[in-house]
Amino acid sequence: MTMARLRNPFRTILMLFAVLSALLLSLPASAAQRQLNVAVLIYEGVELLDFSGPAETFAVARDEKGEPYCKVFLVSRDGKRLTSQGFVKVTPNYSIKNAPKPDILVIPGGDINSTLEDTAVRAWVNQHVQAKKTVLSVCNGASLLGSLGYLTGKQVATHRGNFEILRALDPSIRILPEAKIVSSNWITTSAGISSGLDGSLYLIAKKFGLKVAQRACTHLEYMAWPGIGAKSMADFIHEENNVEVQGGNARTQEKVWGISTLLEWLAEDEPIAAVNLKYQQLLASSEGHDREMLGTNALQEISLWLYSVATNKKVSLRMAELNAAANPHLPDAQLTLARLFTRVGKRDDARRIVSQILRTHPKDAGALKLSRTLRK
């Protein structure tokens, strides 16, 4: 009897503890308690607004008490300082080896060619996309997803200057030219540069609610976002073939980029000599960044990385042939074609080009190295 009386207080305490625990669990979690990791991938030549826009947008997503919903950090291949936009020095928070696992991964655009061929970065991105973590691409950051096969047969948004490059990577990709963002399952693609703000606000609204996204938008004073005065996401997001789309991107008709036109020509079967004539006229009428993208150095780089990551090698090989035809006395242009000929098994053609280079440039290191490879 005495022992029973002694046990009763303990039972009462346990019951009270259980009731209090249930009450605490029923209370809504604070933003800090449900904070998501947002990793923003950066690399040498990354577009400034492409990465800083989404980074700040996710960082200012807060609850009514001002607590952040996201922990935002920058990740690069090696964690070392790099340059964005040619003039801004950026120090990442982490490398891909020590970065926390992201709940949201942002892939910005910019000078992404070398990143498309970086096996370590590709493996890191692939790991998180395969795990079905939320992914947002900005601008030509979609090319990385496309090169990994995640956009095959899908509808996407990207920068207008990237339309034909993305199609060259994978002809099955369907680009929605008037879309600001396109979202399917865990992958969201956004159009050029400032569209990363729209993509970030869309994901904030999906994960934390429209009011949270509107507070973030008000803080940013980004009044161009159609969701700022919306009552629900249905007011500015529509479904199109089982994907969610934010339209209103009528800017795509303003300019046709020279590289897009050239890629269209190269996708056809017109003789390279005929394409070269049109290319010379296109180059002469281009200026600024458009002309830079049509220059021999750009064509060499694009042809090599397209060959490495595209599903169809035809365009990359024809681009190298065009560059060699347009620059018959430039060893680098000839060498790029020889390298691609070697990869596709046209070793006799590669030997012929290397021999021609070494006749006029007998000490060319690249030609000498490829010559030794071709002798094996």
Protein backbone atom coordinates (compact mmCIF):
# COMPACT_ATOMS: atom_id res chain seq x y z
CA MET A 1 0.00 0.00 0.00
CA THR A 2 2.78 2.35 0.95
CA MET A 3 4.69 1.57 -2.27
CA ALA A 4 1.55 2.22 -4.34
CA ARG A 5 1.18 5.62 -2.73
CA LEU A 6 4.81 6.41 -3.50
CA ARG A 7 4.40 5.49 -7.13
CA ASN A 8 1.37 7.73 -7.69
CA PRO A 9 3.32 11.04 -7.68
CA PHE A 10 5.65 9.63 -10.31
CA ARG A 11 2.70 8.64 -12.48
CA THR A 12 1.28 12.13 -12.14
CA ILE A 13 4.60 13.69 -13.13
CA LEU A 14 4.89 11.39 -16.14
CA MET A 15 1.34 12.22 -17.23
CA LEU A 16 2.02 15.95 -16.92
CA PHE A 17 5.23 15.56 -18.89
CA ALA A 18 3.36 13.70 -21.65
CA VAL A 19 0.68 16.39 -21.83
CA LEU A 20 3.26 19.21 -21.95
CA SER A 21 5.23 17.39 -24.67
CA ALA A 22 2.09 16.99 -26.77
CA LEU A 23 1.31 20.70 -26.37
CA LEU A 24 4.83 21.69 -27.36
CA LEU A 25 4.75 19.43 -30.41
CA SER A 26 1.43 20.94 -31.48
CA LEU A 27 2.91 24.45 -31.55
CA PRO A 28 4.14 25.64 -34.97
CA ALA A 29 7.91 25.32 -35.39
CA SER A 30 9.86 28.55 -35.66
CA ALA A 31 11.69 29.42 -38.88
CA ALA A 32 14.99 28.58 -37.19
CA GLN A 33 13.71 25.11 -36.29
CA ARG A 34 12.74 24.31 -39.88
CA GLN A 35 15.64 26.12 -41.55
CA LEU A 36 16.72 24.80 -44.96
CA ASN A 37 20.27 24.72 -46.31
CA VAL A 38 20.56 26.65 -49.58
CA ALA A 39 23.80 25.97 -51.47
CA VAL A 40 24.67 28.41 -54.27
CA LEU A 41 27.25 26.95 -56.66
CA ILE A 42 29.81 29.50 -57.88
CA TYR A 43 32.76 29.21 -60.25
CA GLU A 44 35.27 31.40 -62.07
CA GLY A 45 33.30 33.78 -64.31
CA VAL A 46 29.92 33.21 -62.64
CA GLU A 47 27.37 35.91 -63.48
CA LEU A 48 27.09 38.31 -60.54
CA LEU A 49 23.30 38.70 -60.33
CA ASP A 50 22.76 35.05 -61.22
CA PHE A 51 24.19 33.94 -57.87
CA SER A 52 23.84 37.02 -55.64
CA GLY A 53 20.16 37.59 -56.52
CA PRO A 54 18.94 34.15 -55.39
CA ALA A 55 21.39 34.15 -52.44
CA GLU A 56 19.96 37.39 -51.05
CA THR A 57 16.37 36.42 -51.83
CA PHE A 58 16.60 33.17 -49.86
CA ALA A 59 18.50 34.97 -47.09
CA VAL A 60 15.70 37.52 -46.55
CA ALA A 61 12.95 34.87 -46.42
CA ARG A 62 11.91 35.26 -42.76
CA ASP A 63 8.96 34.63 -40.50
CA GLU A 64 6.97 37.38 -38.77
CA LYS A 65 9.50 37.47 -35.91
CA GLY A 66 12.36 38.03 -38.35
CA GLU A 67 13.82 34.53 -38.04
CA PRO A 68 15.36 33.22 -41.31
CA TYR A 69 13.91 30.19 -43.04
CA CYS A 70 17.17 29.48 -44.90
CA LYS A 71 20.84 29.12 -44.20
CA VAL A 72 22.49 30.34 -47.41
CA PHE A 73 26.09 29.56 -48.35
CA LEU A 74 28.36 29.69 -51.41
CA VAL A 75 30.09 26.55 -52.68
CA SER A 76 32.86 26.22 -55.27
CA ARG A 77 35.00 23.38 -56.52
CA ASP A 78 37.93 24.07 -54.18
CA GLY A 79 36.67 26.79 -51.83
CA LYS A 80 39.24 29.26 -53.15
CA ARG A 81 38.65 32.91 -53.98
CA LEU A 82 37.37 33.54 -57.51
CA THR A 83 36.23 36.35 -59.79
CA SER A 84 32.65 37.07 -60.83
CA GLN A 85 31.78 39.23 -63.80
CA GLY A 86 35.47 40.00 -64.34
CA PHE A 87 35.75 42.47 -61.45
CA VAL A 88 34.19 41.15 -58.22
CA LYS A 89 36.31 38.91 -55.97
CA VAL A 90 34.23 36.30 -54.14
CA THR A 91 35.29 33.92 -51.37
CA PRO A 92 33.09 30.81 -51.09
CA ASN A 93 31.99 29.51 -47.71
CA TYR A 94 32.76 25.91 -48.64
CA SER A 95 34.26 23.62 -51.24
CA ILE A 96 32.26 20.75 -52.71
CA LYS A 97 34.18 18.43 -50.36
CA ASN A 98 33.15 20.04 -47.06
CA ALA A 99 29.86 21.79 -47.87
CA PRO A 100 26.78 20.87 -45.79
CA LYS A 101 24.19 18.83 -47.65
CA PRO A 102 21.81 21.26 -49.37
CA ASP A 103 18.04 21.13 -49.27
CA ILE A 104 18.03 23.61 -52.18
CA LEU A 105 20.79 23.84 -54.79
CA VAL A 106 21.12 26.96 -56.97
CA ILE A 107 23.06 26.65 -60.24
CA PRO A 108 23.73 30.13 -61.66
CA GLY A 109 24.90 30.93 -65.17
CA GLY A 110 27.89 32.80 -66.52
CA ASP A 111 31.11 31.55 -68.10
CA ILE A 112 30.04 27.98 -67.42
CA ASN A 113 31.91 26.13 -70.17
CA SER A 114 34.79 24.85 -68.00
CA THR A 115 32.35 23.88 -65.25
CA LEU A 116 30.38 21.76 -67.72
CA GLU A 117 33.51 19.64 -68.20
CA ASP A 118 34.57 19.56 -64.54
CA THR A 119 34.01 15.95 -63.49
CA ALA A 120 34.21 16.73 -59.75
CA VAL A 121 31.58 19.49 -59.91
CA ARG A 122 29.38 17.41 -62.20
CA ALA A 123 29.52 14.48 -59.77
CA TRP A 124 28.66 16.75 -56.82
CA VAL A 125 25.68 18.29 -58.62
CA ASN A 126 24.59 14.89 -59.90
CA GLN A 127 24.62 13.49 -56.36
CA HIS A 128 22.18 16.10 -55.10
CA VAL A 129 19.90 16.07 -58.14
CA GLN A 130 19.69 12.28 -57.99
CA ALA A 131 18.69 12.59 -54.34
CA LYS A 132 15.76 14.73 -55.56
CA LYS A 133 16.88 17.81 -53.66
CA THR A 134 15.23 20.99 -54.91
CA VAL A 135 17.29 22.52 -57.73
CA LEU A 136 17.04 26.00 -59.26
CA SER A 137 19.02 26.87 -62.39
CA VAL A 138 19.45 30.48 -63.45
CA CYS A 139 20.20 31.68 -67.00
CA ASN A 140 22.57 29.27 -68.80
CA GLY A 141 23.04 27.32 -65.58
CA ALA A 142 20.41 25.08 -67.19
CA SER A 143 23.18 23.82 -69.49
CA LEU A 144 24.76 21.94 -66.59
CA LEU A 145 21.48 20.16 -65.85
CA GLY A 146 21.00 19.53 -69.57
CA SER A 147 24.47 18.05 -69.96
CA LEU A 148 23.74 15.66 -67.07
CA GLY A 149 20.56 14.45 -68.76
CA TYR A 150 18.06 15.90 -66.28
CA LEU A 151 16.28 18.04 -68.89
CA THR A 152 15.86 15.35 -71.53
CA GLY A 153 12.40 15.68 -73.07
CA LYS A 154 11.47 18.39 -70.57
CA GLN A 155 10.22 21.97 -70.91
CA VAL A 156 12.64 24.56 -69.59
CA ALA A 157 13.38 28.27 -69.25
CA THR A 158 16.82 29.73 -69.94
CA HIS A 159 18.51 32.88 -71.24
CA ARG A 160 17.60 33.68 -74.84
CA GLY A 161 21.30 33.49 -75.80
CA ASN A 162 21.35 29.91 -74.56
CA PHE A 163 18.41 28.52 -76.55
CA GLU A 164 20.41 26.94 -79.35
CA ILE A 165 23.29 25.87 -77.13
CA LEU A 166 20.84 23.96 -74.94
CA ARG A 167 19.23 22.39 -77.99
CA ALA A 168 22.69 21.41 -79.25
CA LEU A 169 23.36 19.72 -75.90
CA ASP A 170 20.14 17.74 -76.14
CA PRO A 171 17.72 18.17 -79.08
CA SER A 172 14.86 16.71 -77.01
CA ILE A 173 14.82 19.69 -74.63
CA ARG A 174 11.77 21.92 -75.18
CA ILE A 175 12.45 25.59 -74.46
CA LEU A 176 9.53 27.84 -73.50
CA PRO A 177 10.79 31.21 -74.82
CA GLU A 178 8.20 33.33 -73.03
CA ALA A 179 8.62 31.70 -69.62
CA LYS A 180 10.33 33.35 -66.67
CA ILE A 181 10.37 30.07 -64.74
CA VAL A 182 9.42 26.47 -65.48
CA SER A 183 9.09 23.99 -62.62
CA SER A 184 8.72 20.23 -62.85
CA ASN A 185 8.93 18.06 -59.74
CA TRP A 186 12.11 19.08 -57.89
CA ILE A 187 13.79 20.95 -60.79
CA THR A 188 13.02 24.62 -61.51
CA THR A 189 14.69 26.44 -64.41
CA SER A 190 14.59 30.22 -64.74
CA ALA A 191 15.32 32.51 -67.68
CA GLY A 192 18.07 35.12 -67.93
CA ILE A 193 19.88 36.75 -65.00
CA SER A 194 17.18 38.69 -63.07
CA SER A 195 14.81 35.75 -63.52
CA GLY A 196 16.71 34.06 -60.71
CA LEU A 197 14.82 36.38 -58.37
CA ASP A 198 11.52 35.04 -59.73
CA GLY A 199 12.70 31.45 -59.39
CA SER A 200 13.81 32.01 -55.79
CA LEU A 201 10.57 33.75 -54.80
CA TYR A 202 8.57 30.94 -56.43
CA LEU A 203 10.40 28.31 -54.36
CA ILE A 204 10.04 30.37 -51.17
CA ALA A 205 6.29 30.60 -51.80
CA LYS A 206 6.08 26.85 -52.45
CA LYS A 207 8.03 25.88 -49.33
CA PHE A 208 7.10 28.55 -46.78
CA GLY A 209 3.97 30.18 -48.16
CA LEU A 210 3.09 33.07 -50.44
CA LYS A 211 3.10 35.63 -47.59
CA VAL A 212 6.73 34.80 -46.77
CA ALA A 213 7.69 35.28 -50.43
CA GLN A 214 5.79 38.58 -50.55
CA ARG A 215 7.62 39.83 -47.45
CA ALA A 216 10.94 38.92 -49.06
CA CYS A 217 9.91 40.61 -52.30
CA THR A 218 8.87 43.77 -50.46
CA HIS A 219 12.21 43.83 -48.66
CA LEU A 220 14.01 43.54 -52.01
CA GLU A 221 11.69 46.16 -53.57
CA TYR A 222 11.40 43.87 -56.58
CA MET A 223 8.01 45.14 -57.65
CA ALA A 224 8.25 43.47 -61.06
CA TRP A 225 7.46 40.10 -59.46
CA PRO A 226 3.85 39.25 -60.40
CA GLY A 227 3.30 37.51 -57.07
CA ILE A 228 3.72 40.70 -55.02
CA GLY A 229 0.00 41.51 -55.00
CA ALA A 230 -1.36 38.02 -55.66
CA LYS A 231 -3.93 36.33 -53.43
CA SER A 232 -2.72 32.87 -54.44
CA MET A 233 -0.03 31.36 -56.66
CA ALA A 234 -2.72 30.54 -59.20
CA ASP A 235 -2.86 34.28 -59.94
CA PHE A 236 0.57 34.21 -61.62
CA ILE A 237 1.53 30.54 -62.06
CA HIS A 238 -0.24 28.34 -64.60
CA GLU A 239 0.03 24.66 -65.48
CA GLU A 240 1.23 23.72 -68.93
CA ASN A 241 1.69 20.05 -69.88
CA ASN A 242 2.10 18.98 -66.25
CA VAL A 243 4.66 21.66 -65.37
CA GLU A 244 4.20 24.97 -63.52
CA VAL A 245 5.07 28.07 -65.54
CA GLN A 246 5.41 31.75 -64.78
CA GLY A 247 5.11 33.59 -68.07
CA GLY A 248 5.43 37.24 -68.98
CA ASN A 249 8.91 37.02 -70.46
CA ALA A 250 8.24 38.76 -73.77
CA ARG A 251 11.85 39.98 -74.01
CA THR A 252 12.98 37.08 -76.17
CA GLN A 253 12.09 38.69 -79.49
CA GLU A 254 14.30 41.75 -78.93
CA LYS A 255 17.51 40.18 -80.20
CA VAL A 256 18.61 37.06 -82.02
CA TRP A 257 22.10 36.19 -80.85
CA GLY A 258 24.68 35.40 -83.50
CA ILE A 259 25.79 32.18 -81.81
CA SER A 260 22.17 30.96 -81.88
CA THR A 261 21.96 31.60 -85.62
CA LEU A 262 25.29 29.86 -86.19
CA LEU A 263 24.23 26.79 -84.21
CA GLU A 264 21.06 26.56 -86.31
CA TRP A 265 23.16 26.59 -89.49
CA LEU A 266 25.54 23.96 -88.14
CA ALA A 267 22.64 21.65 -87.19
CA GLU A 268 21.75 21.44 -90.89
CA ASP A 269 23.71 19.58 -93.59
CA GLU A 270 24.85 22.57 -95.61
CA PRO A 271 28.51 22.29 -96.75
CA ILE A 272 30.99 23.95 -94.38
CA ALA A 273 32.27 26.21 -97.18
CA ALA A 274 28.76 27.65 -97.62
CA VAL A 275 28.28 28.04 -93.86
CA ASN A 276 31.65 29.82 -93.67
CA LEU A 277 30.48 32.46 -96.15
CA LYS A 278 27.39 33.19 -94.05
CA TYR A 279 29.46 33.07 -90.86
CA GLN A 280 31.86 35.73 -92.16
CA GLN A 281 28.94 38.05 -92.90
CA LEU A 282 27.41 37.35 -89.49
CA LEU A 283 30.72 38.04 -87.75
CA ALA A 284 31.22 41.32 -89.64
CA SER A 285 27.76 42.57 -88.60
CA SER A 286 28.12 41.60 -84.93
CA GLU A 287 29.51 43.67 -82.08
CA GLY A 288 30.24 43.53 -78.37
CA HIS A 289 29.52 40.28 -76.53
CA ASP A 290 27.74 38.90 -79.59
CA ARG A 291 30.93 39.25 -81.66
CA GLU A 292 33.03 37.81 -78.83
CA MET A 293 30.87 34.67 -78.79
CA LEU A 294 31.46 34.24 -82.53
CA GLY A 295 35.25 34.70 -82.30
CA THR A 296 37.69 31.88 -82.93
CA ASN A 297 38.59 31.38 -79.26
CA ALA A 298 34.92 31.04 -78.30
CA LEU A 299 34.22 28.63 -81.16
CA GLN A 300 37.17 26.45 -80.13
CA GLU A 301 35.98 26.32 -76.53
CA ILE A 302 32.31 25.75 -77.38
CA SER A 303 33.08 23.00 -79.89
CA LEU A 304 35.22 21.11 -77.35
CA TRP A 305 32.78 21.25 -74.45
CA LEU A 306 29.81 20.53 -76.72
CA TYR A 307 31.60 17.40 -77.85
CA SER A 308 32.25 16.42 -74.24
CA VAL A 309 28.73 16.83 -72.92
CA ALA A 310 26.27 16.91 -75.86
CA THR A 311 24.18 13.90 -76.76
CA ASN A 312 24.71 14.65 -80.48
CA LYS A 313 28.36 15.24 -81.50
CA LYS A 314 27.49 16.49 -85.00
CA VAL A 315 27.21 20.19 -84.19
CA SER A 316 30.43 20.30 -82.18
CA LEU A 317 32.41 18.63 -84.96
CA ARG A 318 30.96 20.92 -87.63
CA MET A 319 31.74 23.96 -85.47
CA ALA A 320 35.37 22.88 -85.25
CA GLU A 321 35.43 22.34 -89.02
CA LEU A 322 33.98 25.81 -89.57
CA ASN A 323 36.51 27.43 -87.24
CA ALA A 324 39.36 25.66 -89.03
CA ALA A 325 38.00 26.73 -92.44
CA ALA A 326 37.60 30.35 -91.26
CA ASN A 327 41.12 30.41 -89.76
CA PRO A 328 43.32 28.26 -92.04
CA HIS A 329 46.57 29.79 -90.71
CA LEU A 330 45.67 29.64 -87.01
CA PRO A 331 47.27 26.55 -85.41
CA ASP A 332 44.87 26.43 -82.43
CA ALA A 333 41.81 26.32 -84.69
CA GLN A 334 43.35 23.50 -86.75
CA LEU A 335 44.47 21.64 -83.64
CA THR A 336 40.97 21.70 -82.13
CA LEU A 337 39.63 20.03 -85.26
CA ALA A 338 42.45 17.47 -85.19
CA ARG A 339 41.66 16.61 -81.58
CA LEU A 340 37.99 16.04 -82.38
CA PHE A 341 38.87 14.00 -85.46
CA THR A 342 41.03 11.84 -83.19
CA ARG A 343 38.12 11.32 -80.77
CA VAL A 344 35.73 10.23 -83.52
CA GLY A 345 38.28 7.85 -85.06
CA LYS A 346 39.27 9.95 -88.07
CA ARG A 347 42.96 9.50 -87.28
CA ASP A 348 44.18 9.92 -90.88
CA ASP A 349 42.48 13.32 -91.10
CA ALA A 350 43.93 14.25 -87.71
CA ARG A 351 47.45 13.22 -88.83
CA ARG A 352 47.10 15.31 -91.99
CA ILE A 353 46.15 18.43 -89.99
CA VAL A 354 48.93 17.90 -87.43
CA SER A 355 51.49 17.51 -90.20
CA GLN A 356 50.34 20.78 -91.77
CA ILE A 357 50.64 22.58 -88.41
CA LEU A 358 54.16 21.23 -87.77
CA ARG A 359 55.36 22.32 -91.23
CA THR A 360 54.79 25.96 -90.33
CA HIS A 361 55.05 25.72 -86.52
CA PRO A 362 57.51 22.88 -85.81
CA LYS A 363 57.67 23.63 -82.07
CA ASP A 364 53.92 23.80 -81.42
CA ALA A 365 53.57 21.88 -78.15
CA GLY A 366 49.96 20.86 -78.71
CA ALA A 367 50.62 19.55 -82.21
CA LEU A 368 53.72 17.65 -81.04
CA LYS A 369 51.77 16.03 -78.21
CA LEU A 370 48.89 15.00 -80.49
CA SER A 371 51.40 13.70 -83.06
CA ARG A 372 52.89 11.37 -80.44
CA THR A 373 49.37 10.19 -79.52
CA LEU A 374 48.55 9.47 -83.15
CA ARG A 375 51.71 7.38 -83.59
CA LYS A 376 50.59 4.94 -80.93
